[in-house]
Amino acid sequence: MADAGLLDNGHWEIHSLDVGQADATLHITERGELILIDADKTDVIEPLDEVLDGRTTSQQDGDRISLHLLVTHLHDDHVRGIGALYDNDYRIQSVTQPDDDRFQVRDPDTGEPKKGVAKDVRDEYVNNLEKHGIDTISQISAGESLSIDSDTDLRVLAPPDTEKSVDVTRASTGADVNLPPKRPNENSAVYKLEGEQSVLFMGDVQDKSDHYGESWLIQEHDNPENDVDLNADVLVAAHHGSNKATSTEFLDRVDPEVAVISSGLHNKHTSENQHDAHPHDATLKRLYDRDIGVYWTPGHGTLRTDLTQRRPGQNQRPISKRRAPLTWPR
């Protein structure tokens, strides 16, 4: 259970919620604002209630608890909990997503482009936001910061600020590739928080097929004309620990002490080994080889990190299940 008391307690808390094969992270700013990054499919309510149990806040909307900001991208395992939030006495005040220019919506008759945003997901997303009274969605791109009442910036590192494809040099091979505006995962938002600790939130960004989002971030980091810094104490790993992300080259730049992975205990996203689902063993090995402590929501439950306390590697505190960090091999 979270600490009793006011939400505006002077600490920035990050709660990686245990929501199965999905994503949802609650931020409680030092001034008591509630920011939800992603809203999973339907399981967000129980862990969210657990974090807020015993806490008092002035941020109320009638009998509903106000979420100051929802930050997400258009994929079902990040947005389908929005309706459940409304049905369970939460009220979203504002929403931010990556710029629509970075996505293509699938044609409902042909299904093209195959890796674009599913129309039913987009429609459900908009309809559920209307329940919360949201009719305007802010759109963000790399280089911006989110509007919050805090001295701490929640800075946006991705997606690119263009509606066109971006030329990329693939980090692992040196090949000339690109990052086109199409897929919701590779064009999802990436954020970084800087406090006594720094935390990097990777969303679903991967290097996959013709969409090299992770390599683009590495390229931005390596460019001396940019001020993009991937280095962070805590890495919230991309795409549930997929082996298409969190590459050796990427970890060289981030150099985290701790990685947090959100996925389901049993899920269909296997690699060559049918028992090797998210997180993939290849990803865990890359983390293990660097002596990075791994915390995994199915094993640890919801995890709390205090951004305003300098305790990297010791500051991931399970509030329900308690187990040691996940290691490789499992």
C-alpha atoms as a PDB file:
ATOM      1  CA  MET A   1       0.000   0.000   0.000  1.00  0.00           C
ATOM      2  CA  ALA A   2       1.223   3.512  -0.722  1.00  0.00           C
ATOM      3  CA  ASP A   3       2.147   5.885   2.069  1.00  0.00           C
ATOM      4  CA  ALA A   4      -0.847   7.526   3.706  1.00  0.00           C
ATOM      5  CA  GLY A   5      -1.172  11.293   3.450  1.00  0.00           C
ATOM      6  CA  LEU A   6      -1.448  14.061   0.939  1.00  0.00           C
ATOM      7  CA  LEU A   7      -0.401  13.533  -2.632  1.00  0.00           C
ATOM      8  CA  ASP A   8       1.472  16.851  -2.661  1.00  0.00           C
ATOM      9  CA  ASN A   9       4.155  15.576  -0.287  1.00  0.00           C
ATOM     10  CA  GLY A  10       7.178  17.070  -2.025  1.00  0.00           C
ATOM     11  CA  HIS A  11       8.183  13.815  -3.727  1.00  0.00           C
ATOM     12  CA  TRP A  12       7.755  12.855  -7.370  1.00  0.00           C
ATOM     13  CA  GLU A  13       6.544   9.252  -7.279  1.00  0.00           C
ATOM     14  CA  ILE A  14       6.526   6.900 -10.268  1.00  0.00           C
ATOM     15  CA  HIS A  15       4.338   3.799  -9.979  1.00  0.00           C
ATOM     16  CA  SER A  16       4.800   1.153 -12.683  1.00  0.00           C
ATOM     17  CA  LEU A  17       1.399  -0.509 -12.446  1.00  0.00           C
ATOM     18  CA  ASP A  18       0.968  -4.268 -12.669  1.00  0.00           C
ATOM     19  CA  VAL A  19      -1.484  -4.452 -15.586  1.00  0.00           C
ATOM     20  CA  GLY A  20      -0.536  -7.691 -17.324  1.00  0.00           C
ATOM     21  CA  GLN A  21       0.467  -7.686 -21.007  1.00  0.00           C
ATOM     22  CA  ALA A  22       0.091  -3.936 -21.328  1.00  0.00           C
ATOM     23  CA  ASP A  23       1.432  -0.642 -19.983  1.00  0.00           C
ATOM     24  CA  ALA A  24       0.320   1.913 -17.408  1.00  0.00           C
ATOM     25  CA  THR A  25       2.505   4.151 -15.253  1.00  0.00           C
ATOM     26  CA  LEU A  26       1.167   6.609 -12.682  1.00  0.00           C
ATOM     27  CA  HIS A  27       3.153   9.715 -11.799  1.00  0.00           C
ATOM     28  CA  ILE A  28       2.325  11.681  -8.663  1.00  0.00           C
ATOM     29  CA  THR A  29       4.144  14.991  -8.892  1.00  0.00           C
ATOM     30  CA  GLU A  30       5.597  16.709  -5.864  1.00  0.00           C
ATOM     31  CA  ARG A  31       2.642  19.119  -6.038  1.00  0.00           C
ATOM     32  CA  GLY A  32       0.033  16.388  -6.148  1.00  0.00           C
ATOM     33  CA  GLU A  33      -0.866  16.200  -9.829  1.00  0.00           C
ATOM     34  CA  LEU A  34      -1.713  12.770 -11.194  1.00  0.00           C
ATOM     35  CA  ILE A  35      -0.236  11.911 -14.599  1.00  0.00           C
ATOM     36  CA  LEU A  36      -1.028   8.565 -16.217  1.00  0.00           C
ATOM     37  CA  ILE A  37       1.239   7.342 -18.991  1.00  0.00           C
ATOM     38  CA  ASP A  38      -0.830   4.747 -20.868  1.00  0.00           C
ATOM     39  CA  ALA A  39      -4.021   3.077 -19.686  1.00  0.00           C
ATOM     40  CA  ASP A  40      -3.515  -0.611 -20.607  1.00  0.00           C
ATOM     41  CA  LYS A  41      -6.509  -2.643 -21.795  1.00  0.00           C
ATOM     42  CA  THR A  42      -8.861  -3.054 -18.826  1.00  0.00           C
ATOM     43  CA  ASP A  43      -6.722  -3.877 -15.776  1.00  0.00           C
ATOM     44  CA  VAL A  44      -5.618  -0.391 -14.757  1.00  0.00           C
ATOM     45  CA  ILE A  45      -8.245   0.162 -12.058  1.00  0.00           C
ATOM     46  CA  GLU A  46      -7.161  -2.276  -9.328  1.00  0.00           C
ATOM     47  CA  PRO A  47      -3.470  -1.270  -9.183  1.00  0.00           C
ATOM     48  CA  LEU A  48      -4.385   2.416  -9.557  1.00  0.00           C
ATOM     49  CA  ASP A  49      -6.831   2.148  -6.650  1.00  0.00           C
ATOM     50  CA  GLU A  50      -4.158   0.357  -4.634  1.00  0.00           C
ATOM     51  CA  VAL A  51      -1.618   3.141  -5.120  1.00  0.00           C
ATOM     52  CA  LEU A  52      -4.110   5.853  -4.161  1.00  0.00           C
ATOM     53  CA  ASP A  53      -5.683   3.965  -1.258  1.00  0.00           C
ATOM     54  CA  GLY A  54      -5.367   6.025   1.918  1.00  0.00           C
ATOM     55  CA  ARG A  55      -4.148   9.110   0.057  1.00  0.00           C
ATOM     56  CA  THR A  56      -6.058  12.380   0.157  1.00  0.00           C
ATOM     57  CA  THR A  57      -6.074  14.951  -2.592  1.00  0.00           C
ATOM     58  CA  SER A  58      -7.696  18.263  -3.361  1.00  0.00           C
ATOM     59  CA  GLN A  59      -7.882  17.285  -7.029  1.00  0.00           C
ATOM     60  CA  GLN A  60     -11.459  16.077  -7.179  1.00  0.00           C
ATOM     61  CA  ASP A  61     -14.160  16.439  -9.816  1.00  0.00           C
ATOM     62  CA  GLY A  62     -17.359  15.800  -7.915  1.00  0.00           C
ATOM     63  CA  ASP A  63     -16.966  12.232  -6.695  1.00  0.00           C
ATOM     64  CA  ARG A  64     -14.377  11.455  -9.365  1.00  0.00           C
ATOM     65  CA  ILE A  65     -10.624  11.481  -8.891  1.00  0.00           C
ATOM     66  CA  SER A  66      -9.089  13.791 -11.462  1.00  0.00           C
ATOM     67  CA  LEU A  67      -6.188  12.618 -13.575  1.00  0.00           C
ATOM     68  CA  HIS A  68      -4.486  15.841 -14.638  1.00  0.00           C
ATOM     69  CA  LEU A  69      -2.968  14.328 -17.768  1.00  0.00           C
ATOM     70  CA  LEU A  70      -3.076  11.125 -19.793  1.00  0.00           C
ATOM     71  CA  VAL A  71      -0.104  10.546 -22.097  1.00  0.00           C
ATOM     72  CA  THR A  72      -0.361   7.664 -24.559  1.00  0.00           C
ATOM     73  CA  HIS A  73      -0.053   6.404 -28.114  1.00  0.00           C
ATOM     74  CA  LEU A  74      -2.627   4.682 -30.295  1.00  0.00           C
ATOM     75  CA  HIS A  75      -2.256   1.004 -29.529  1.00  0.00           C
ATOM     76  CA  ASP A  76      -4.908  -1.097 -27.822  1.00  0.00           C
ATOM     77  CA  ASP A  77      -2.741  -2.227 -24.896  1.00  0.00           C
ATOM     78  CA  HIS A  78      -2.105   1.426 -24.035  1.00  0.00           C
ATOM     79  CA  VAL A  79      -5.543   3.042 -24.462  1.00  0.00           C
ATOM     80  CA  ARG A  80      -8.341   0.525 -23.934  1.00  0.00           C
ATOM     81  CA  GLY A  81      -8.484   1.205 -20.202  1.00  0.00           C
ATOM     82  CA  ILE A  82      -9.754   4.748 -20.785  1.00  0.00           C
ATOM     83  CA  GLY A  83     -13.384   3.621 -20.676  1.00  0.00           C
ATOM     84  CA  ALA A  84     -12.754   1.617 -17.511  1.00  0.00           C
ATOM     85  CA  LEU A  85     -11.318   4.729 -15.852  1.00  0.00           C
ATOM     86  CA  TYR A  86     -14.558   6.611 -16.487  1.00  0.00           C
ATOM     87  CA  ASP A  87     -16.679   3.692 -15.309  1.00  0.00           C
ATOM     88  CA  ASN A  88     -14.734   3.571 -12.038  1.00  0.00           C
ATOM     89  CA  ASP A  89     -14.946   7.208 -10.950  1.00  0.00           C
ATOM     90  CA  TYR A  90     -11.835   8.676 -12.550  1.00  0.00           C
ATOM     91  CA  ARG A  91     -11.907  11.746 -14.773  1.00  0.00           C
ATOM     92  CA  ILE A  92      -9.194  12.588 -17.289  1.00  0.00           C
ATOM     93  CA  GLN A  93      -8.666  16.346 -17.601  1.00  0.00           C
ATOM     94  CA  SER A  94      -6.360  16.462 -20.633  1.00  0.00           C
ATOM     95  CA  VAL A  95      -4.697  14.107 -23.101  1.00  0.00           C
ATOM     96  CA  THR A  96      -1.405  14.215 -24.981  1.00  0.00           C
ATOM     97  CA  GLN A  97      -0.345  11.855 -27.760  1.00  0.00           C
ATOM     98  CA  PRO A  98       2.310  11.746 -30.495  1.00  0.00           C
ATOM     99  CA  ASP A  99       1.494  13.908 -33.493  1.00  0.00           C
ATOM    100  CA  ASP A 100      -1.095  12.347 -35.824  1.00  0.00           C
ATOM    101  CA  ASP A 101       1.323  13.001 -38.697  1.00  0.00           C
ATOM    102  CA  ARG A 102       3.372  10.034 -37.448  1.00  0.00           C
ATOM    103  CA  PHE A 103       0.531   7.525 -37.886  1.00  0.00           C
ATOM    104  CA  GLN A 104      -1.580   6.015 -40.642  1.00  0.00           C
ATOM    105  CA  VAL A 105      -5.028   4.592 -39.907  1.00  0.00           C
ATOM    106  CA  ARG A 106      -5.844   1.241 -41.512  1.00  0.00           C
ATOM    107  CA  ASP A 107      -8.545   1.131 -44.138  1.00  0.00           C
ATOM    108  CA  PRO A 108     -11.408  -0.851 -42.534  1.00  0.00           C
ATOM    109  CA  ASP A 109     -12.123  -2.689 -45.818  1.00  0.00           C
ATOM    110  CA  THR A 110      -8.615  -3.531 -47.013  1.00  0.00           C
ATOM    111  CA  GLY A 111      -6.756  -3.485 -43.688  1.00  0.00           C
ATOM    112  CA  GLU A 112      -3.958  -1.424 -45.241  1.00  0.00           C
ATOM    113  CA  PRO A 113      -1.456  -0.372 -44.088  1.00  0.00           C
ATOM    114  CA  LYS A 114      -1.182  -3.581 -42.085  1.00  0.00           C
ATOM    115  CA  LYS A 115       0.936  -2.033 -39.355  1.00  0.00           C
ATOM    116  CA  GLY A 116      -0.984   1.225 -39.061  1.00  0.00           C
ATOM    117  CA  VAL A 117      -3.439   2.254 -36.354  1.00  0.00           C
ATOM    118  CA  ALA A 118      -6.491  -0.003 -36.250  1.00  0.00           C
ATOM    119  CA  LYS A 119      -9.612   2.058 -36.984  1.00  0.00           C
ATOM    120  CA  ASP A 120     -11.634   0.366 -34.232  1.00  0.00           C
ATOM    121  CA  VAL A 121      -8.927   1.227 -31.691  1.00  0.00           C
ATOM    122  CA  ARG A 122      -8.874   4.850 -32.881  1.00  0.00           C
ATOM    123  CA  ASP A 123     -12.686   5.107 -32.749  1.00  0.00           C
ATOM    124  CA  GLU A 124     -12.908   3.545 -29.290  1.00  0.00           C
ATOM    125  CA  TYR A 125     -10.130   5.845 -28.073  1.00  0.00           C
ATOM    126  CA  VAL A 126     -11.960   8.972 -29.237  1.00  0.00           C
ATOM    127  CA  ASN A 127     -15.351   7.786 -27.975  1.00  0.00           C
ATOM    128  CA  ASN A 128     -14.027   6.954 -24.513  1.00  0.00           C
ATOM    129  CA  LEU A 129     -12.255  10.297 -24.250  1.00  0.00           C
ATOM    130  CA  GLU A 130     -15.558  12.006 -25.030  1.00  0.00           C
ATOM    131  CA  LYS A 131     -17.004  10.343 -21.915  1.00  0.00           C
ATOM    132  CA  HIS A 132     -14.366  12.213 -19.938  1.00  0.00           C
ATOM    133  CA  GLY A 133     -15.308  15.463 -21.666  1.00  0.00           C
ATOM    134  CA  ILE A 134     -12.170  15.490 -23.832  1.00  0.00           C
ATOM    135  CA  ASP A 135     -12.727  16.893 -27.314  1.00  0.00           C
ATOM    136  CA  THR A 136      -9.243  18.303 -27.938  1.00  0.00           C
ATOM    137  CA  ILE A 137      -6.111  16.138 -27.848  1.00  0.00           C
ATOM    138  CA  SER A 138      -2.726  17.822 -27.572  1.00  0.00           C
ATOM    139  CA  GLN A 139      -0.098  16.436 -29.918  1.00  0.00           C
ATOM    140  CA  ILE A 140       3.595  16.391 -29.181  1.00  0.00           C
ATOM    141  CA  SER A 141       6.897  15.604 -30.895  1.00  0.00           C
ATOM    142  CA  ALA A 142      10.561  15.463 -30.012  1.00  0.00           C
ATOM    143  CA  GLY A 143      11.954  18.589 -28.358  1.00  0.00           C
ATOM    144  CA  GLU A 144       8.843  19.531 -26.409  1.00  0.00           C
ATOM    145  CA  SER A 145       8.032  19.267 -22.703  1.00  0.00           C
ATOM    146  CA  LEU A 146       4.701  18.344 -21.182  1.00  0.00           C
ATOM    147  CA  SER A 147       2.716  21.036 -19.398  1.00  0.00           C
ATOM    148  CA  ILE A 148       2.671  20.132 -15.711  1.00  0.00           C
ATOM    149  CA  ASP A 149       2.760  22.055 -12.444  1.00  0.00           C
ATOM    150  CA  SER A 150       6.268  21.070 -11.452  1.00  0.00           C
ATOM    151  CA  ASP A 151       9.853  22.224 -11.427  1.00  0.00           C
ATOM    152  CA  THR A 152      10.691  18.914 -13.143  1.00  0.00           C
ATOM    153  CA  ASP A 153      10.458  18.613 -16.925  1.00  0.00           C
ATOM    154  CA  LEU A 154       8.856  15.588 -18.529  1.00  0.00           C
ATOM    155  CA  ARG A 155      10.732  15.970 -21.787  1.00  0.00           C
ATOM    156  CA  VAL A 156       9.687  14.397 -25.095  1.00  0.00           C
ATOM    157  CA  LEU A 157      12.478  12.673 -27.074  1.00  0.00           C
ATOM    158  CA  ALA A 158      10.370  10.986 -29.781  1.00  0.00           C
ATOM    159  CA  PRO A 159       8.717  10.740 -32.285  1.00  0.00           C
ATOM    160  CA  PRO A 160      10.420  12.966 -34.893  1.00  0.00           C
ATOM    161  CA  ASP A 161       8.912  16.387 -35.517  1.00  0.00           C
ATOM    162  CA  THR A 162       8.042  15.764 -39.160  1.00  0.00           C
ATOM    163  CA  GLU A 163       5.310  14.131 -41.205  1.00  0.00           C
ATOM    164  CA  LYS A 164       7.922  12.611 -43.521  1.00  0.00           C
ATOM    165  CA  SER A 165      10.194   9.590 -43.303  1.00  0.00           C
ATOM    166  CA  VAL A 166      13.462  10.216 -41.478  1.00  0.00           C
ATOM    167  CA  ASP A 167      16.782   8.864 -42.739  1.00  0.00           C
ATOM    168  CA  VAL A 168      18.492   6.686 -40.131  1.00  0.00           C
ATOM    169  CA  THR A 169      21.779   4.843 -39.865  1.00  0.00           C
ATOM    170  CA  ARG A 170      21.047   1.554 -38.162  1.00  0.00           C
ATOM    171  CA  ALA A 171      23.112   1.391 -34.995  1.00  0.00           C
ATOM    172  CA  SER A 172      23.920  -2.322 -35.142  1.00  0.00           C
ATOM    173  CA  THR A 173      24.965  -2.567 -38.817  1.00  0.00           C
ATOM    174  CA  GLY A 174      25.638   0.928 -40.152  1.00  0.00           C
ATOM    175  CA  ALA A 175      23.044   0.322 -42.884  1.00  0.00           C
ATOM    176  CA  ASP A 176      21.046   3.225 -44.331  1.00  0.00           C
ATOM    177  CA  VAL A 177      17.431   2.699 -43.216  1.00  0.00           C
ATOM    178  CA  ASN A 178      14.522   4.949 -42.288  1.00  0.00           C
ATOM    179  CA  LEU A 179      11.724   5.706 -39.836  1.00  0.00           C
ATOM    180  CA  PRO A 180       8.513   6.364 -41.812  1.00  0.00           C
ATOM    181  CA  PRO A 181       5.229   7.726 -40.435  1.00  0.00           C
ATOM    182  CA  LYS A 182       3.050   4.648 -40.188  1.00  0.00           C
ATOM    183  CA  ARG A 183       3.289   2.273 -37.251  1.00  0.00           C
ATOM    184  CA  PRO A 184       2.011   3.227 -33.772  1.00  0.00           C
ATOM    185  CA  ASN A 185       4.795   1.386 -31.953  1.00  0.00           C
ATOM    186  CA  GLU A 186       7.917   2.716 -33.634  1.00  0.00           C
ATOM    187  CA  ASN A 187       6.390   6.213 -33.614  1.00  0.00           C
ATOM    188  CA  SER A 188       5.241   6.069 -30.012  1.00  0.00           C
ATOM    189  CA  ALA A 189       6.349   8.723 -27.562  1.00  0.00           C
ATOM    190  CA  VAL A 190       9.559   8.527 -25.556  1.00  0.00           C
ATOM    191  CA  TYR A 191       9.943  10.638 -22.412  1.00  0.00           C
ATOM    192  CA  LYS A 192      12.699  11.440 -19.952  1.00  0.00           C
ATOM    193  CA  LEU A 193      12.446  12.748 -16.405  1.00  0.00           C
ATOM    194  CA  GLU A 194      15.379  14.353 -14.623  1.00  0.00           C
ATOM    195  CA  GLY A 195      15.457  14.591 -10.830  1.00  0.00           C
ATOM    196  CA  GLU A 196      17.802  13.187  -8.231  1.00  0.00           C
ATOM    197  CA  GLN A 197      17.392  10.169 -10.477  1.00  0.00           C
ATOM    198  CA  SER A 198      16.751  10.158 -14.210  1.00  0.00           C
ATOM    199  CA  VAL A 199      14.162   7.847 -15.775  1.00  0.00           C
ATOM    200  CA  LEU A 200      13.734   7.027 -19.480  1.00  0.00           C
ATOM    201  CA  PHE A 201      10.316   5.803 -20.680  1.00  0.00           C
ATOM    202  CA  MET A 202      10.597   4.021 -24.026  1.00  0.00           C
ATOM    203  CA  GLY A 203       6.977   3.210 -24.842  1.00  0.00           C
ATOM    204  CA  ASP A 204       6.888   0.646 -27.660  1.00  0.00           C
ATOM    205  CA  VAL A 205       9.799   1.956 -29.729  1.00  0.00           C
ATOM    206  CA  GLN A 206      11.709  -0.825 -31.489  1.00  0.00           C
ATOM    207  CA  ASP A 207      14.030  -1.508 -34.418  1.00  0.00           C
ATOM    208  CA  LYS A 208      11.933  -3.737 -36.632  1.00  0.00           C
ATOM    209  CA  SER A 209      11.633  -4.289 -40.386  1.00  0.00           C
ATOM    210  CA  ASP A 210      11.628  -0.852 -42.043  1.00  0.00           C
ATOM    211  CA  HIS A 211      10.850   1.138 -38.869  1.00  0.00           C
ATOM    212  CA  TYR A 212      14.006   1.893 -36.941  1.00  0.00           C
ATOM    213  CA  GLY A 213      12.834   4.028 -34.049  1.00  0.00           C
ATOM    214  CA  GLU A 214      15.488   2.931 -31.568  1.00  0.00           C
ATOM    215  CA  SER A 215      18.309   3.586 -34.039  1.00  0.00           C
ATOM    216  CA  TRP A 216      16.869   7.049 -34.697  1.00  0.00           C
ATOM    217  CA  LEU A 217      17.057   7.828 -30.973  1.00  0.00           C
ATOM    218  CA  ILE A 218      20.654   6.611 -30.846  1.00  0.00           C
ATOM    219  CA  GLN A 219      21.429   8.807 -33.847  1.00  0.00           C
ATOM    220  CA  GLU A 220      19.876  11.819 -32.094  1.00  0.00           C
ATOM    221  CA  HIS A 221      21.872  11.059 -28.937  1.00  0.00           C
ATOM    222  CA  ASP A 222      25.147  10.786 -30.864  1.00  0.00           C
ATOM    223  CA  ASN A 223      24.639  14.007 -32.823  1.00  0.00           C
ATOM    224  CA  PRO A 224      26.703  16.721 -31.080  1.00  0.00           C
ATOM    225  CA  GLU A 225      24.350  19.391 -32.443  1.00  0.00           C
ATOM    226  CA  ASN A 226      21.460  17.952 -30.412  1.00  0.00           C
ATOM    227  CA  ASP A 227      20.866  18.062 -26.688  1.00  0.00           C
ATOM    228  CA  VAL A 228      19.279  14.586 -26.594  1.00  0.00           C
ATOM    229  CA  ASP A 229      20.767  12.531 -23.753  1.00  0.00           C
ATOM    230  CA  LEU A 230      19.572   8.924 -23.409  1.00  0.00           C
ATOM    231  CA  ASN A 231      21.696   8.253 -20.307  1.00  0.00           C
ATOM    232  CA  ALA A 232      19.430   7.391 -17.359  1.00  0.00           C
ATOM    233  CA  ASP A 233      19.533   5.707 -13.971  1.00  0.00           C
ATOM    234  CA  VAL A 234      16.284   3.830 -14.594  1.00  0.00           C
ATOM    235  CA  LEU A 235      15.125   2.449 -17.945  1.00  0.00           C
ATOM    236  CA  VAL A 236      11.464   1.573 -18.451  1.00  0.00           C
ATOM    237  CA  ALA A 237      12.164  -0.928 -21.205  1.00  0.00           C
ATOM    238  CA  ALA A 238      10.498  -0.730 -24.600  1.00  0.00           C
ATOM    239  CA  HIS A 239       7.666  -2.964 -25.758  1.00  0.00           C
ATOM    240  CA  HIS A 240       7.445  -5.245 -22.725  1.00  0.00           C
ATOM    241  CA  GLY A 241      11.026  -6.473 -23.069  1.00  0.00           C
ATOM    242  CA  SER A 242      10.796  -7.477 -26.736  1.00  0.00           C
ATOM    243  CA  ASN A 243      13.989  -8.729 -28.378  1.00  0.00           C
ATOM    244  CA  LYS A 244      13.387  -6.147 -31.122  1.00  0.00           C
ATOM    245  CA  ALA A 245      14.336  -3.392 -28.671  1.00  0.00           C
ATOM    246  CA  THR A 246      16.851  -2.599 -25.909  1.00  0.00           C
ATOM    247  CA  SER A 247      19.787  -3.431 -28.164  1.00  0.00           C
ATOM    248  CA  THR A 248      23.431  -3.606 -27.133  1.00  0.00           C
ATOM    249  CA  GLU A 249      24.074  -0.274 -28.840  1.00  0.00           C
ATOM    250  CA  PHE A 250      21.103   1.330 -27.102  1.00  0.00           C
ATOM    251  CA  LEU A 251      22.202   0.110 -23.666  1.00  0.00           C
ATOM    252  CA  ASP A 252      25.666   1.516 -24.329  1.00  0.00           C
ATOM    253  CA  ARG A 253      24.076   4.987 -24.502  1.00  0.00           C
ATOM    254  CA  VAL A 254      21.551   4.646 -21.684  1.00  0.00           C
ATOM    255  CA  ASP A 255      23.808   2.772 -19.235  1.00  0.00           C
ATOM    256  CA  PRO A 256      21.056   2.273 -16.625  1.00  0.00           C
ATOM    257  CA  GLU A 257      21.437   0.730 -13.195  1.00  0.00           C
ATOM    258  CA  VAL A 258      17.873  -0.588 -13.170  1.00  0.00           C
ATOM    259  CA  ALA A 259      15.384  -1.700 -15.847  1.00  0.00           C
ATOM    260  CA  VAL A 260      11.627  -2.000 -15.317  1.00  0.00           C
ATOM    261  CA  ILE A 261       9.605  -4.280 -17.606  1.00  0.00           C
ATOM    262  CA  SER A 262       5.806  -4.439 -17.822  1.00  0.00           C
ATOM    263  CA  SER A 263       4.281  -7.559 -19.388  1.00  0.00           C
ATOM    264  CA  GLY A 264       1.963 -10.455 -18.664  1.00  0.00           C
ATOM    265  CA  LEU A 265       3.152 -13.564 -16.838  1.00  0.00           C
ATOM    266  CA  HIS A 266       2.005 -15.708 -19.786  1.00  0.00           C
ATOM    267  CA  ASN A 267       1.720 -14.056 -23.191  1.00  0.00           C
ATOM    268  CA  LYS A 268       1.817 -14.943 -26.876  1.00  0.00           C
ATOM    269  CA  HIS A 269       4.844 -12.878 -27.866  1.00  0.00           C
ATOM    270  CA  THR A 270       7.358 -15.700 -28.161  1.00  0.00           C
ATOM    271  CA  SER A 271      10.674 -15.820 -29.961  1.00  0.00           C
ATOM    272  CA  GLU A 272      12.174 -19.060 -31.343  1.00  0.00           C
ATOM    273  CA  ASN A 273      11.519 -20.731 -27.995  1.00  0.00           C
ATOM    274  CA  GLN A 274       7.794 -21.079 -27.322  1.00  0.00           C
ATOM    275  CA  HIS A 275       8.436 -20.547 -23.612  1.00  0.00           C
ATOM    276  CA  ASP A 276      10.400 -17.342 -24.262  1.00  0.00           C
ATOM    277  CA  ALA A 277       7.660 -14.729 -24.238  1.00  0.00           C
ATOM    278  CA  HIS A 278       7.905 -11.068 -23.205  1.00  0.00           C
ATOM    279  CA  PRO A 279      10.354 -10.286 -21.823  1.00  0.00           C
ATOM    280  CA  HIS A 280      12.482 -12.240 -24.293  1.00  0.00           C
ATOM    281  CA  ASP A 281      15.525 -14.051 -23.004  1.00  0.00           C
ATOM    282  CA  ALA A 282      17.763 -12.219 -25.486  1.00  0.00           C
ATOM    283  CA  THR A 283      16.755  -8.917 -23.891  1.00  0.00           C
ATOM    284  CA  LEU A 284      17.259 -10.247 -20.374  1.00  0.00           C
ATOM    285  CA  LYS A 285      20.704 -11.535 -21.307  1.00  0.00           C
ATOM    286  CA  ARG A 286      21.748  -8.122 -22.613  1.00  0.00           C
ATOM    287  CA  LEU A 287      20.641  -6.588 -19.318  1.00  0.00           C
ATOM    288  CA  TYR A 288      22.226  -9.378 -17.277  1.00  0.00           C
ATOM    289  CA  ASP A 289      25.560  -9.001 -19.083  1.00  0.00           C
ATOM    290  CA  ARG A 290      25.692  -5.375 -17.897  1.00  0.00           C
ATOM    291  CA  ASP A 291      24.709  -6.191 -14.317  1.00  0.00           C
ATOM    292  CA  ILE A 292      21.494  -4.162 -14.669  1.00  0.00           C
ATOM    293  CA  GLY A 293      18.883  -5.010 -12.034  1.00  0.00           C
ATOM    294  CA  VAL A 294      15.610  -6.024 -13.710  1.00  0.00           C
ATOM    295  CA  TYR A 295      12.211  -5.552 -12.091  1.00  0.00           C
ATOM    296  CA  TRP A 296       9.244  -7.222 -13.747  1.00  0.00           C
ATOM    297  CA  THR A 297       5.599  -6.500 -12.931  1.00  0.00           C
ATOM    298  CA  PRO A 298       4.380 -10.140 -12.874  1.00  0.00           C
ATOM    299  CA  GLY A 299       7.056 -11.035 -10.318  1.00  0.00           C
ATOM    300  CA  HIS A 300       7.134  -7.840  -8.277  1.00  0.00           C
ATOM    301  CA  GLY A 301       3.694  -6.335  -8.753  1.00  0.00           C
ATOM    302  CA  THR A 302       3.372  -2.570  -8.960  1.00  0.00           C
ATOM    303  CA  LEU A 303       6.722  -0.830  -8.434  1.00  0.00           C
ATOM    304  CA  ARG A 304       7.376   2.579  -6.916  1.00  0.00           C
ATOM    305  CA  THR A 305      10.322   4.835  -7.719  1.00  0.00           C
ATOM    306  CA  ASP A 306      10.865   8.174  -5.970  1.00  0.00           C
ATOM    307  CA  LEU A 307      12.423  10.522  -8.505  1.00  0.00           C
ATOM    308  CA  THR A 308      13.408  12.976  -5.781  1.00  0.00           C
ATOM    309  CA  GLN A 309      15.477  10.453  -3.823  1.00  0.00           C
ATOM    310  CA  ARG A 310      18.927   9.423  -4.949  1.00  0.00           C
ATOM    311  CA  ARG A 311      18.897   5.659  -4.483  1.00  0.00           C
ATOM    312  CA  PRO A 312      19.405   4.076  -7.918  1.00  0.00           C
ATOM    313  CA  GLY A 313      19.205   0.315  -7.851  1.00  0.00           C
ATOM    314  CA  GLN A 314      17.564   0.343  -4.410  1.00  0.00           C
ATOM    315  CA  ASN A 315      14.604   2.590  -5.070  1.00  0.00           C
ATOM    316  CA  GLN A 316      12.282   0.194  -6.900  1.00  0.00           C
ATOM    317  CA  ARG A 317       9.924  -0.761  -4.101  1.00  0.00           C
ATOM    318  CA  PRO A 318       7.215  -3.344  -4.776  1.00  0.00           C
ATOM    319  CA  ILE A 319       3.961  -2.410  -3.063  1.00  0.00           C
ATOM    320  CA  SER A 320       2.414  -5.869  -3.393  1.00  0.00           C
ATOM    321  CA  LYS A 321       4.395  -8.991  -4.422  1.00  0.00           C
ATOM    322  CA  ARG A 322       8.000  -9.131  -3.262  1.00  0.00           C
ATOM    323  CA  ARG A 323      10.676 -11.033  -5.153  1.00  0.00           C
ATOM    324  CA  ALA A 324      14.276 -10.511  -6.155  1.00  0.00           C
ATOM    325  CA  PRO A 325      15.147  -8.793  -9.441  1.00  0.00           C
ATOM    326  CA  LEU A 326      14.555 -10.924 -12.530  1.00  0.00           C
ATOM    327  CA  THR A 327      17.700 -12.538 -13.906  1.00  0.00           C
ATOM    328  CA  TRP A 328      18.758 -14.450 -17.000  1.00  0.00           C
ATOM    329  CA  PRO A 329      18.522 -17.355 -17.575  1.00  0.00           C
ATOM    330  CA  ARG A 330      15.111 -17.718 -15.992  1.00  0.00           C
END
